[in-house]
């Protein structure tokens, strides 16, 4: 549905995967189907958890999942402008990563 939405709703620039409600793995897979936003971490989240979803994550995990899906993580503000952060010490990150095959568990 997401991939078809991206094709037909060409006047919408940004599609967010809903890892908070659907889980981290499905949020990651949604990036490969056209979503360009993995969403954000929640400092305090009450609505979705009250409905029964208890998915949690941190910045490091989201950055890892985005990279593993073959994309470069980029922080943004609420208007989708890129936020520039100071470079972290350590090895230089590649400018792009090869796409890897994603495996999704199925429930029988």
C-alpha atoms as a PDB file:
ATOM      1  CA  UNK A   1       0.000   0.000   0.000  1.00  0.00           C
ATOM      2  CA  UNK A   2       2.838   2.393   0.814  1.00  0.00           C
ATOM      3  CA  UNK A   3       4.578   1.891  -2.538  1.00  0.00           C
ATOM      4  CA  UNK A   4       1.304   2.518  -4.406  1.00  0.00           C
ATOM      5  CA  UNK A   5       0.628   5.602  -2.291  1.00  0.00           C
ATOM      6  CA  UNK A   6       4.014   7.055  -3.217  1.00  0.00           C
ATOM      7  CA  UNK A   7       3.161   6.600  -6.910  1.00  0.00           C
ATOM      8  CA  UNK A   8      -0.331   8.081  -6.787  1.00  0.00           C
ATOM      9  CA  UNK A   9       0.176  10.806  -4.181  1.00  0.00           C
ATOM     10  CA  UNK A  10       3.031  12.490  -5.995  1.00  0.00           C
ATOM     11  CA  UNK A  11       2.174  15.858  -4.446  1.00  0.00           C
ATOM     12  CA  UNK A  12       3.161  14.553  -0.986  1.00  0.00           C
ATOM     13  CA  UNK A  13       6.898  14.809  -0.395  1.00  0.00           C
ATOM     14  CA  UNK A  14       7.372  12.798   2.793  1.00  0.00           C
ATOM     15  CA  UNK A  15       6.051   9.430   3.902  1.00  0.00           C
ATOM     16  CA  UNK A  16       6.799   8.243   7.411  1.00  0.00           C
ATOM     17  CA  UNK A  17       7.068   4.607   8.409  1.00  0.00           C
ATOM     18  CA  UNK A  18       5.271   3.942  11.659  1.00  0.00           C
ATOM     19  CA  UNK A  19       7.750   1.889  13.674  1.00  0.00           C
ATOM     20  CA  UNK A  20       6.130   3.030  16.901  1.00  0.00           C
ATOM     21  CA  UNK A  21       2.870   1.249  16.096  1.00  0.00           C
ATOM     22  CA  UNK A  22       4.066  -1.460  13.701  1.00  0.00           C
ATOM     23  CA  UNK A  23       7.475  -2.349  15.136  1.00  0.00           C
ATOM     24  CA  UNK A  24      11.074  -1.545  14.230  1.00  0.00           C
ATOM     25  CA  UNK A  25      11.485  -4.214  11.542  1.00  0.00           C
ATOM     26  CA  UNK A  26       8.360  -3.187   9.624  1.00  0.00           C
ATOM     27  CA  UNK A  27       9.405   0.447   9.944  1.00  0.00           C
ATOM     28  CA  UNK A  28      12.719  -0.505   8.355  1.00  0.00           C
ATOM     29  CA  UNK A  29      11.049  -2.438   5.539  1.00  0.00           C
ATOM     30  CA  UNK A  30       8.758   0.544   4.842  1.00  0.00           C
ATOM     31  CA  UNK A  31      11.844   2.562   3.892  1.00  0.00           C
ATOM     32  CA  UNK A  32      12.400   0.149   1.011  1.00  0.00           C
ATOM     33  CA  UNK A  33       8.775   0.610  -0.107  1.00  0.00           C
ATOM     34  CA  UNK A  34       8.986   4.385  -0.422  1.00  0.00           C
ATOM     35  CA  UNK A  35       8.917   5.897   3.052  1.00  0.00           C
ATOM     36  CA  UNK A  36      11.623   8.518   3.481  1.00  0.00           C
ATOM     37  CA  UNK A  37      11.194   9.090   7.201  1.00  0.00           C
ATOM     38  CA  UNK A  38      11.679   6.493   9.929  1.00  0.00           C
ATOM     39  CA  UNK A  39      10.062   8.725  12.520  1.00  0.00           C
ATOM     40  CA  UNK A  40      11.598   9.681  15.813  1.00  0.00           C
ATOM     41  CA  UNK A  41      12.270   8.491  19.293  1.00  0.00           C
ATOM     42  CA  UNK A  42       9.675   9.349  21.892  1.00  0.00           C
ATOM     43  CA  UNK A  43      10.658  10.872  25.191  1.00  0.00           C
ATOM     44  CA  UNK A  44       7.280  10.099  26.698  1.00  0.00           C
ATOM     45  CA  UNK A  45       4.624   8.271  24.744  1.00  0.00           C
ATOM     46  CA  UNK A  46       1.278   7.409  26.298  1.00  0.00           C
ATOM     47  CA  UNK A  47      -1.335   7.180  23.530  1.00  0.00           C
ATOM     48  CA  UNK A  48       0.095   4.323  21.456  1.00  0.00           C
ATOM     49  CA  UNK A  49       1.175   2.325  24.504  1.00  0.00           C
ATOM     50  CA  UNK A  50      -2.312   2.710  26.010  1.00  0.00           C
ATOM     51  CA  UNK A  51      -3.643   1.125  22.809  1.00  0.00           C
ATOM     52  CA  UNK A  52      -1.378  -1.877  23.362  1.00  0.00           C
ATOM     53  CA  UNK A  53       1.763  -1.160  21.302  1.00  0.00           C
ATOM     54  CA  UNK A  54       4.900  -1.122  23.421  1.00  0.00           C
ATOM     55  CA  UNK A  55       7.678  -0.555  20.888  1.00  0.00           C
ATOM     56  CA  UNK A  56      10.678   1.415  22.114  1.00  0.00           C
ATOM     57  CA  UNK A  57      13.900   2.550  20.524  1.00  0.00           C
ATOM     58  CA  UNK A  58      16.769   4.988  20.824  1.00  0.00           C
ATOM     59  CA  UNK A  59      18.661   7.134  18.326  1.00  0.00           C
ATOM     60  CA  UNK A  60      21.506   4.653  17.936  1.00  0.00           C
ATOM     61  CA  UNK A  61      19.136   1.793  17.048  1.00  0.00           C
ATOM     62  CA  UNK A  62      17.154   3.877  14.555  1.00  0.00           C
ATOM     63  CA  UNK A  63      20.363   5.046  12.878  1.00  0.00           C
ATOM     64  CA  UNK A  64      21.554   1.422  12.682  1.00  0.00           C
ATOM     65  CA  UNK A  65      18.275   0.182  11.139  1.00  0.00           C
ATOM     66  CA  UNK A  66      18.242   2.996   8.569  1.00  0.00           C
ATOM     67  CA  UNK A  67      21.853   2.236   7.615  1.00  0.00           C
ATOM     68  CA  UNK A  68      21.175  -1.504   7.384  1.00  0.00           C
ATOM     69  CA  UNK A  69      18.310  -0.778   4.991  1.00  0.00           C
ATOM     70  CA  UNK A  70      20.821   0.979   2.722  1.00  0.00           C
ATOM     71  CA  UNK A  71      20.061   4.603   3.548  1.00  0.00           C
ATOM     72  CA  UNK A  72      21.920   7.419   5.284  1.00  0.00           C
ATOM     73  CA  UNK A  73      20.320   8.570   8.562  1.00  0.00           C
ATOM     74  CA  UNK A  74      19.627  12.311   8.673  1.00  0.00           C
ATOM     75  CA  UNK A  75      18.041  14.198  11.538  1.00  0.00           C
ATOM     76  CA  UNK A  76      15.336  16.701  10.578  1.00  0.00           C
ATOM     77  CA  UNK A  77      13.164  19.316  12.227  1.00  0.00           C
ATOM     78  CA  UNK A  78       9.345  19.432  12.107  1.00  0.00           C
ATOM     79  CA  UNK A  79       9.448  21.218   8.727  1.00  0.00           C
ATOM     80  CA  UNK A  80      11.677  18.477   7.243  1.00  0.00           C
ATOM     81  CA  UNK A  81      14.750  20.709   7.132  1.00  0.00           C
ATOM     82  CA  UNK A  82      18.010  18.851   7.755  1.00  0.00           C
ATOM     83  CA  UNK A  83      19.570  19.413  11.162  1.00  0.00           C
ATOM     84  CA  UNK A  84      23.342  19.651  11.060  1.00  0.00           C
ATOM     85  CA  UNK A  85      25.078  18.066  14.015  1.00  0.00           C
ATOM     86  CA  UNK A  86      28.687  18.138  15.019  1.00  0.00           C
ATOM     87  CA  UNK A  87      30.591  15.160  13.618  1.00  0.00           C
ATOM     88  CA  UNK A  88      31.186  12.410  16.123  1.00  0.00           C
ATOM     89  CA  UNK A  89      34.693  11.202  16.805  1.00  0.00           C
ATOM     90  CA  UNK A  90      35.584   7.905  15.213  1.00  0.00           C
ATOM     91  CA  UNK A  91      35.855   6.406  11.760  1.00  0.00           C
ATOM     92  CA  UNK A  92      34.379   8.346   8.858  1.00  0.00           C
ATOM     93  CA  UNK A  93      31.044   6.969   7.710  1.00  0.00           C
ATOM     94  CA  UNK A  94      30.698   6.026   4.040  1.00  0.00           C
ATOM     95  CA  UNK A  95      28.620   8.371   1.889  1.00  0.00           C
ATOM     96  CA  UNK A  96      26.362   5.507   0.862  1.00  0.00           C
ATOM     97  CA  UNK A  97      25.784   1.926   1.816  1.00  0.00           C
ATOM     98  CA  UNK A  98      24.864  -1.030  -0.378  1.00  0.00           C
ATOM     99  CA  UNK A  99      21.288  -2.165   0.007  1.00  0.00           C
ATOM    100  CA  UNK A 100      20.971  -5.420   1.874  1.00  0.00           C
ATOM    101  CA  UNK A 101      18.253  -7.979   1.633  1.00  0.00           C
ATOM    102  CA  UNK A 102      15.771  -7.484   4.439  1.00  0.00           C
ATOM    103  CA  UNK A 103      14.259 -10.532   6.076  1.00  0.00           C
ATOM    104  CA  UNK A 104      10.863 -10.274   7.682  1.00  0.00           C
ATOM    105  CA  UNK A 105       9.606 -12.901  10.077  1.00  0.00           C
ATOM    106  CA  UNK A 106       6.194 -14.300   9.272  1.00  0.00           C
ATOM    107  CA  UNK A 107       3.755 -15.648  11.803  1.00  0.00           C
ATOM    108  CA  UNK A 108       2.220 -18.964  10.865  1.00  0.00           C
END
